[in-house]
Amino acid sequence: MDKHYYLIARNATIGFIAGGFVALGGAYKDSPYEGFYLDTFLRSPIMGMIAGVVLGEIIRPCNKPMTPLLMFFVALAGERFIMEFYKHFRQQKSAKFEMGEYGVELPKMRDRRLGLQTPDQYVPVREGWQ
């Protein structure tokens, strides 16, 4: 087998393992609340495999292949970037930060730069600043 194909297979395997770690962590964290679905579980290893191959070809320090440990973390970061980017455009508006855990509404935070209309609403940083 050619060395280049060996590196592609190695990066795909490492990316699949990195995505598997992400999938296991997500299943452990989310499945008690959202349930377990095999298609969402397998999405991270598959995207990790794709990220491992693509980033392994793009990033080559000093024209040498990355070490397996570095490749693991590069594939993990690439998978997380791709999946969070995908989720952002799939949802458009995230309700995750508007409602707290168990559906309890969180208090609304005011933006001090834009949300305050009158000067008497400003909160001084220290006593005596008025």
N, C-alpha and C. Protein backbone atom coordinates (compact mmCIF):
# COMPACT_ATOMS: atom_id res chain seq x y z
N MET A 1 0.85 -1.18 0.00
CA MET A 1 0.00 0.00 0.00
C MET A 1 0.89 1.24 0.00
N ASP A 2 0.52 2.22 -0.82
CA ASP A 2 1.27 3.45 -0.92
C ASP A 2 1.20 4.20 0.42
N LYS A 3 2.29 4.93 0.74
CA LYS A 3 2.35 5.62 2.02
C LYS A 3 1.26 6.69 2.14
N HIS A 4 0.93 7.34 1.02
CA HIS A 4 -0.10 8.38 1.06
C HIS A 4 -1.47 7.79 1.42
N TYR A 5 -1.80 6.65 0.85
CA TYR A 5 -3.07 6.00 1.18
C TYR A 5 -3.07 5.49 2.61
N TYR A 6 -1.91 5.08 3.09
CA TYR A 6 -1.79 4.66 4.48
C TYR A 6 -2.11 5.84 5.41
N LEU A 7 -1.58 7.03 5.09
CA LEU A 7 -1.84 8.21 5.93
C LEU A 7 -3.32 8.61 5.88
N ILE A 8 -3.94 8.50 4.72
CA ILE A 8 -5.37 8.81 4.61
C ILE A 8 -6.19 7.84 5.47
N ALA A 9 -5.86 6.55 5.39
CA ALA A 9 -6.58 5.55 6.20
C ALA A 9 -6.33 5.77 7.69
N ARG A 10 -5.09 6.12 8.04
CA ARG A 10 -4.76 6.38 9.44
C ARG A 10 -5.53 7.59 9.96
N ASN A 11 -5.55 8.68 9.17
CA ASN A 11 -6.26 9.88 9.60
C ASN A 11 -7.77 9.64 9.69
N ALA A 12 -8.32 8.84 8.78
CA ALA A 12 -9.74 8.52 8.84
C ALA A 12 -10.06 7.71 10.09
N THR A 13 -9.19 6.76 10.41
CA THR A 13 -9.42 5.94 11.61
C THR A 13 -9.32 6.78 12.87
N ILE A 14 -8.30 7.62 12.94
CA ILE A 14 -8.14 8.48 14.12
C ILE A 14 -9.31 9.46 14.24
N GLY A 15 -9.76 10.02 13.11
CA GLY A 15 -10.92 10.92 13.13
C GLY A 15 -12.18 10.21 13.57
N PHE A 16 -12.35 8.95 13.14
CA PHE A 16 -13.51 8.18 13.55
C PHE A 16 -13.48 7.93 15.06
N ILE A 17 -12.31 7.64 15.59
CA ILE A 17 -12.17 7.41 17.04
C ILE A 17 -12.43 8.71 17.81
N ALA A 18 -11.90 9.84 17.31
CA ALA A 18 -12.14 11.13 17.97
C ALA A 18 -13.63 11.47 17.96
N GLY A 19 -14.29 11.24 16.83
CA GLY A 19 -15.74 11.48 16.76
C GLY A 19 -16.50 10.53 17.66
N GLY A 20 -15.98 9.32 17.84
CA GLY A 20 -16.60 8.36 18.76
C GLY A 20 -16.55 8.84 20.20
N PHE A 21 -15.43 9.46 20.57
CA PHE A 21 -15.35 10.02 21.92
C PHE A 21 -16.37 11.13 22.11
N VAL A 22 -16.52 11.97 21.11
CA VAL A 22 -17.52 13.05 21.18
C VAL A 22 -18.92 12.47 21.27
N ALA A 23 -19.20 11.44 20.47
CA ALA A 23 -20.53 10.83 20.47
C ALA A 23 -20.84 10.17 21.81
N LEU A 24 -19.85 9.50 22.39
CA LEU A 24 -20.08 8.87 23.70
C LEU A 24 -20.36 9.92 24.77
N GLY A 25 -19.59 11.01 24.75
CA GLY A 25 -19.83 12.08 25.72
C GLY A 25 -21.19 12.72 25.54
N GLY A 26 -21.59 12.94 24.29
CA GLY A 26 -22.91 13.52 24.03
C GLY A 26 -24.03 12.58 24.41
N ALA A 27 -23.85 11.28 24.16
CA ALA A 27 -24.88 10.31 24.53
C ALA A 27 -25.01 10.23 26.05
N TYR A 28 -23.89 10.27 26.73
CA TYR A 28 -23.92 10.21 28.20
C TYR A 28 -24.61 11.45 28.78
N LYS A 29 -24.33 12.61 28.17
CA LYS A 29 -24.85 13.86 28.69
C LYS A 29 -26.32 14.08 28.30
N ASP A 30 -26.67 13.81 27.05
CA ASP A 30 -27.99 14.21 26.55
C ASP A 30 -29.05 13.12 26.53
N SER A 31 -28.66 11.85 26.45
CA SER A 31 -29.68 10.81 26.27
C SER A 31 -30.67 10.68 27.43
N PRO A 32 -30.32 10.98 28.68
CA PRO A 32 -31.37 10.92 29.70
C PRO A 32 -32.48 11.94 29.48
N TYR A 33 -32.18 13.06 28.80
CA TYR A 33 -33.19 14.10 28.59
C TYR A 33 -33.83 14.03 27.21
N GLU A 34 -33.02 13.71 26.18
CA GLU A 34 -33.52 13.74 24.81
C GLU A 34 -33.76 12.36 24.22
N GLY A 35 -33.30 11.32 24.85
CA GLY A 35 -33.40 9.98 24.29
C GLY A 35 -32.17 9.67 23.44
N PHE A 36 -32.00 8.40 23.11
CA PHE A 36 -30.85 7.97 22.31
C PHE A 36 -31.31 7.64 20.90
N TYR A 37 -30.66 8.25 19.92
CA TYR A 37 -30.95 8.00 18.52
C TYR A 37 -29.65 7.60 17.83
N LEU A 38 -29.67 6.48 17.14
CA LEU A 38 -28.45 5.96 16.52
C LEU A 38 -27.93 6.88 15.42
N ASP A 39 -28.81 7.52 14.67
CA ASP A 39 -28.34 8.40 13.59
C ASP A 39 -27.59 9.61 14.13
N THR A 40 -28.06 10.20 15.22
CA THR A 40 -27.33 11.33 15.80
C THR A 40 -26.07 10.86 16.50
N PHE A 41 -26.08 9.63 17.00
CA PHE A 41 -24.87 9.09 17.64
C PHE A 41 -23.78 8.85 16.60
N LEU A 42 -24.13 8.35 15.43
CA LEU A 42 -23.14 8.05 14.41
C LEU A 42 -22.70 9.27 13.60
N ARG A 43 -23.41 10.37 13.76
CA ARG A 43 -23.06 11.58 13.01
C ARG A 43 -21.67 12.10 13.39
N SER A 44 -21.33 12.10 14.66
CA SER A 44 -20.03 12.62 15.09
C SER A 44 -18.86 11.75 14.62
N PRO A 45 -18.91 10.42 14.73
CA PRO A 45 -17.78 9.64 14.19
C PRO A 45 -17.60 9.80 12.69
N ILE A 46 -18.70 9.89 11.95
CA ILE A 46 -18.58 10.05 10.50
C ILE A 46 -17.99 11.42 10.16
N MET A 47 -18.46 12.46 10.83
CA MET A 47 -17.91 13.80 10.57
C MET A 47 -16.47 13.90 11.09
N GLY A 48 -16.15 13.19 12.18
CA GLY A 48 -14.77 13.16 12.65
C GLY A 48 -13.85 12.49 11.65
N MET A 49 -14.35 11.45 11.00
CA MET A 49 -13.57 10.76 9.98
C MET A 49 -13.32 11.70 8.79
N ILE A 50 -14.34 12.41 8.35
CA ILE A 50 -14.18 13.35 7.24
C ILE A 50 -13.24 14.48 7.63
N ALA A 51 -13.40 15.01 8.84
CA ALA A 51 -12.52 16.09 9.30
C ALA A 51 -11.08 15.59 9.42
N GLY A 52 -10.90 14.36 9.88
CA GLY A 52 -9.55 13.81 10.00
C GLY A 52 -8.86 13.70 8.65
N VAL A 53 -9.58 13.24 7.65
CA VAL A 53 -8.98 13.10 6.31
C VAL A 53 -8.68 14.46 5.71
N VAL A 54 -9.65 15.37 5.74
CA VAL A 54 -9.48 16.68 5.11
C VAL A 54 -8.40 17.49 5.83
N LEU A 55 -8.49 17.59 7.15
CA LEU A 55 -7.51 18.38 7.89
C LEU A 55 -6.14 17.72 7.89
N GLY A 56 -6.09 16.41 7.82
CA GLY A 56 -4.81 15.72 7.73
C GLY A 56 -4.10 16.01 6.42
N GLU A 57 -4.88 16.25 5.36
CA GLU A 57 -4.29 16.59 4.08
C GLU A 57 -3.90 18.07 4.01
N ILE A 58 -4.70 18.91 4.65
CA ILE A 58 -4.43 20.36 4.59
C ILE A 58 -3.28 20.75 5.51
N ILE A 59 -3.29 20.24 6.73
CA ILE A 59 -2.30 20.64 7.73
C ILE A 59 -1.19 19.59 7.76
N ARG A 60 -0.06 19.97 7.31
CA ARG A 60 1.11 19.09 7.38
C ARG A 60 2.28 19.92 7.88
N PRO A 61 2.62 19.82 9.15
CA PRO A 61 3.74 20.62 9.67
C PRO A 61 5.05 20.16 9.04
N CYS A 62 5.76 21.09 8.44
CA CYS A 62 7.06 20.82 7.80
C CYS A 62 6.95 19.71 6.75
N ASN A 63 5.80 19.62 6.10
CA ASN A 63 5.57 18.63 5.05
C ASN A 63 5.71 17.19 5.55
N LYS A 64 5.44 16.98 6.83
CA LYS A 64 5.47 15.64 7.43
C LYS A 64 4.07 15.35 7.98
N PRO A 65 3.71 14.09 8.11
CA PRO A 65 2.40 13.78 8.70
C PRO A 65 2.39 14.10 10.20
N MET A 66 1.21 14.42 10.70
CA MET A 66 1.06 14.71 12.12
C MET A 66 1.20 13.44 12.95
N THR A 67 1.57 13.62 14.20
CA THR A 67 1.60 12.47 15.10
C THR A 67 0.16 12.04 15.37
N PRO A 68 -0.06 10.79 15.74
CA PRO A 68 -1.45 10.35 15.99
C PRO A 68 -2.17 11.15 17.07
N LEU A 69 -1.47 11.55 18.13
CA LEU A 69 -2.11 12.31 19.19
C LEU A 69 -2.54 13.69 18.70
N LEU A 70 -1.67 14.35 17.95
CA LEU A 70 -2.03 15.65 17.39
C LEU A 70 -3.17 15.51 16.39
N MET A 71 -3.13 14.47 15.60
CA MET A 71 -4.20 14.23 14.63
C MET A 71 -5.53 13.98 15.34
N PHE A 72 -5.50 13.30 16.47
CA PHE A 72 -6.70 13.06 17.26
C PHE A 72 -7.35 14.38 17.66
N PHE A 73 -6.55 15.31 18.20
CA PHE A 73 -7.11 16.57 18.67
C PHE A 73 -7.51 17.49 17.52
N VAL A 74 -6.79 17.43 16.41
CA VAL A 74 -7.18 18.22 15.24
C VAL A 74 -8.50 17.72 14.68
N ALA A 75 -8.66 16.41 14.59
CA ALA A 75 -9.92 15.84 14.09
C ALA A 75 -11.06 16.14 15.05
N LEU A 76 -10.80 16.07 16.35
CA LEU A 76 -11.82 16.37 17.34
C LEU A 76 -12.27 17.83 17.22
N ALA A 77 -11.31 18.74 17.10
CA ALA A 77 -11.66 20.16 16.95
C ALA A 77 -12.39 20.41 15.64
N GLY A 78 -11.95 19.77 14.58
CA GLY A 78 -12.63 19.93 13.29
C GLY A 78 -14.05 19.41 13.32
N GLU A 79 -14.25 18.27 13.95
CA GLU A 79 -15.61 17.71 14.07
C GLU A 79 -16.50 18.64 14.88
N ARG A 80 -16.00 19.16 15.99
CA ARG A 80 -16.81 20.07 16.82
C ARG A 80 -17.15 21.33 16.06
N PHE A 81 -16.19 21.87 15.31
CA PHE A 81 -16.45 23.09 14.53
C PHE A 81 -17.53 22.83 13.49
N ILE A 82 -17.41 21.74 12.76
CA ILE A 82 -18.38 21.43 11.71
C ILE A 82 -19.77 21.23 12.30
N MET A 83 -19.86 20.47 13.39
CA MET A 83 -21.17 20.15 13.96
C MET A 83 -21.83 21.38 14.58
N GLU A 84 -21.07 22.21 15.27
CA GLU A 84 -21.67 23.41 15.87
C GLU A 84 -22.07 24.41 14.78
N PHE A 85 -21.30 24.51 13.71
CA PHE A 85 -21.66 25.36 12.58
C PHE A 85 -22.95 24.85 11.94
N TYR A 86 -23.06 23.54 11.77
CA TYR A 86 -24.27 22.93 11.20
C TYR A 86 -25.48 23.19 12.11
N LYS A 87 -25.31 23.00 13.41
CA LYS A 87 -26.43 23.21 14.34
C LYS A 87 -26.88 24.67 14.36
N HIS A 88 -25.94 25.58 14.22
CA HIS A 88 -26.29 27.00 14.23
C HIS A 88 -27.20 27.34 13.07
N PHE A 89 -26.88 26.86 11.87
CA PHE A 89 -27.70 27.19 10.71
C PHE A 89 -28.95 26.31 10.62
N ARG A 90 -28.95 25.16 11.27
CA ARG A 90 -30.15 24.33 11.29
C ARG A 90 -31.20 24.96 12.18
N GLN A 91 -30.78 25.51 13.31
CA GLN A 91 -31.73 26.06 14.27
C GLN A 91 -32.08 27.50 14.01
N GLN A 92 -31.17 28.28 13.48
CA GLN A 92 -31.32 29.71 13.27
C GLN A 92 -31.39 30.47 14.59
N LYS A 93 -32.27 30.10 15.48
CA LYS A 93 -32.36 30.78 16.77
C LYS A 93 -32.27 29.73 17.85
N SER A 94 -31.31 29.89 18.71
CA SER A 94 -31.12 28.90 19.76
C SER A 94 -31.97 29.26 20.97
N ALA A 95 -32.83 28.35 21.34
CA ALA A 95 -33.65 28.55 22.54
C ALA A 95 -32.92 28.01 23.76
N LYS A 96 -31.74 27.48 23.56
CA LYS A 96 -31.00 26.86 24.65
C LYS A 96 -30.69 27.85 25.77
N PHE A 97 -30.43 29.10 25.41
CA PHE A 97 -30.03 30.07 26.42
C PHE A 97 -31.18 30.95 26.88
N GLU A 98 -32.37 30.75 26.34
CA GLU A 98 -33.52 31.50 26.79
C GLU A 98 -34.26 30.77 27.91
N MET A 99 -34.22 29.47 27.88
CA MET A 99 -34.86 28.68 28.92
C MET A 99 -33.78 27.93 29.68
N GLY A 100 -33.91 27.87 30.97
CA GLY A 100 -32.95 27.15 31.78
C GLY A 100 -33.22 25.66 31.74
N GLU A 101 -32.45 24.94 32.51
CA GLU A 101 -32.64 23.50 32.58
C GLU A 101 -34.02 23.19 33.17
N TYR A 102 -34.65 22.18 32.70
CA TYR A 102 -35.98 21.73 33.12
C TYR A 102 -37.07 22.75 32.76
N GLY A 103 -36.81 23.63 31.78
CA GLY A 103 -37.84 24.55 31.31
C GLY A 103 -38.10 25.74 32.20
N VAL A 104 -37.24 26.02 33.15
CA VAL A 104 -37.42 27.18 34.02
C VAL A 104 -36.83 28.40 33.31
N GLU A 105 -37.63 29.44 33.18
CA GLU A 105 -37.16 30.62 32.45
C GLU A 105 -36.09 31.35 33.24
N LEU A 106 -35.03 31.73 32.53
CA LEU A 106 -33.94 32.48 33.14
C LEU A 106 -34.27 33.96 33.13
N PRO A 107 -33.73 34.73 34.07
CA PRO A 107 -33.98 36.17 34.05
C PRO A 107 -33.32 36.80 32.83
N LYS A 108 -33.97 37.78 32.25
CA LYS A 108 -33.43 38.46 31.07
C LYS A 108 -32.31 39.39 31.51
N MET A 109 -31.22 39.38 30.77
CA MET A 109 -30.09 40.24 31.07
C MET A 109 -30.18 41.48 30.18
N ARG A 110 -29.90 42.62 30.75
CA ARG A 110 -29.94 43.86 29.98
C ARG A 110 -28.55 44.17 29.45
N ASP A 111 -28.51 44.67 28.25
CA ASP A 111 -27.26 45.11 27.66
C ASP A 111 -27.04 46.55 28.09
N ARG A 112 -25.99 46.82 28.83
CA ARG A 112 -25.77 48.16 29.36
C ARG A 112 -25.45 49.17 28.27
N ARG A 113 -24.94 48.70 27.13
CA ARG A 113 -24.61 49.64 26.07
C ARG A 113 -25.84 50.03 25.27
N LEU A 114 -26.75 49.08 25.02
CA LEU A 114 -27.86 49.34 24.11
C LEU A 114 -29.23 49.31 24.80
N GLY A 115 -29.35 48.55 25.88
CA GLY A 115 -30.66 48.31 26.46
C GLY A 115 -31.17 49.39 27.39
N LEU A 116 -30.34 50.29 27.84
CA LEU A 116 -30.76 51.31 28.79
C LEU A 116 -31.05 52.60 28.05
N GLN A 117 -32.26 53.13 28.24
CA GLN A 117 -32.67 54.30 27.48
C GLN A 117 -32.41 55.61 28.23
N THR A 118 -32.63 55.64 29.52
CA THR A 118 -32.50 56.90 30.25
C THR A 118 -31.30 56.85 31.18
N PRO A 119 -30.69 58.00 31.46
CA PRO A 119 -29.50 58.01 32.32
C PRO A 119 -29.76 57.53 33.74
N ASP A 120 -31.00 57.66 34.26
CA ASP A 120 -31.26 57.21 35.62
C ASP A 120 -31.29 55.69 35.73
N GLN A 121 -31.30 54.98 34.62
CA GLN A 121 -31.28 53.52 34.64
C GLN A 121 -29.86 52.97 34.74
N TYR A 122 -28.86 53.82 34.51
CA TYR A 122 -27.48 53.34 34.56
C TYR A 122 -27.11 52.93 35.98
N VAL A 123 -26.39 51.86 36.10
CA VAL A 123 -25.94 51.39 37.40
C VAL A 123 -24.49 51.81 37.56
N PRO A 124 -24.17 52.59 38.60
CA PRO A 124 -22.78 53.02 38.76
C PRO A 124 -21.87 51.83 39.08
N VAL A 125 -20.66 51.89 38.60
CA VAL A 125 -19.72 50.81 38.83
C VAL A 125 -19.26 50.82 40.27
N ARG A 126 -18.99 52.01 40.80
CA ARG A 126 -18.59 52.15 42.19
C ARG A 126 -19.47 53.20 42.86
N GLU A 127 -19.49 53.13 44.17
CA GLU A 127 -20.26 54.14 44.91
C GLU A 127 -19.68 55.52 44.62
N GLY A 128 -20.55 56.49 44.44
CA GLY A 128 -20.11 57.85 44.22
C GLY A 128 -20.00 58.23 42.76
N TRP A 129 -20.13 57.30 41.86
CA TRP A 129 -20.07 57.64 40.42
C TRP A 129 -21.49 57.93 39.94
N GLN A 130 -21.86 59.17 39.87
CA GLN A 130 -23.20 59.52 39.40
C GLN A 130 -23.13 60.71 38.51
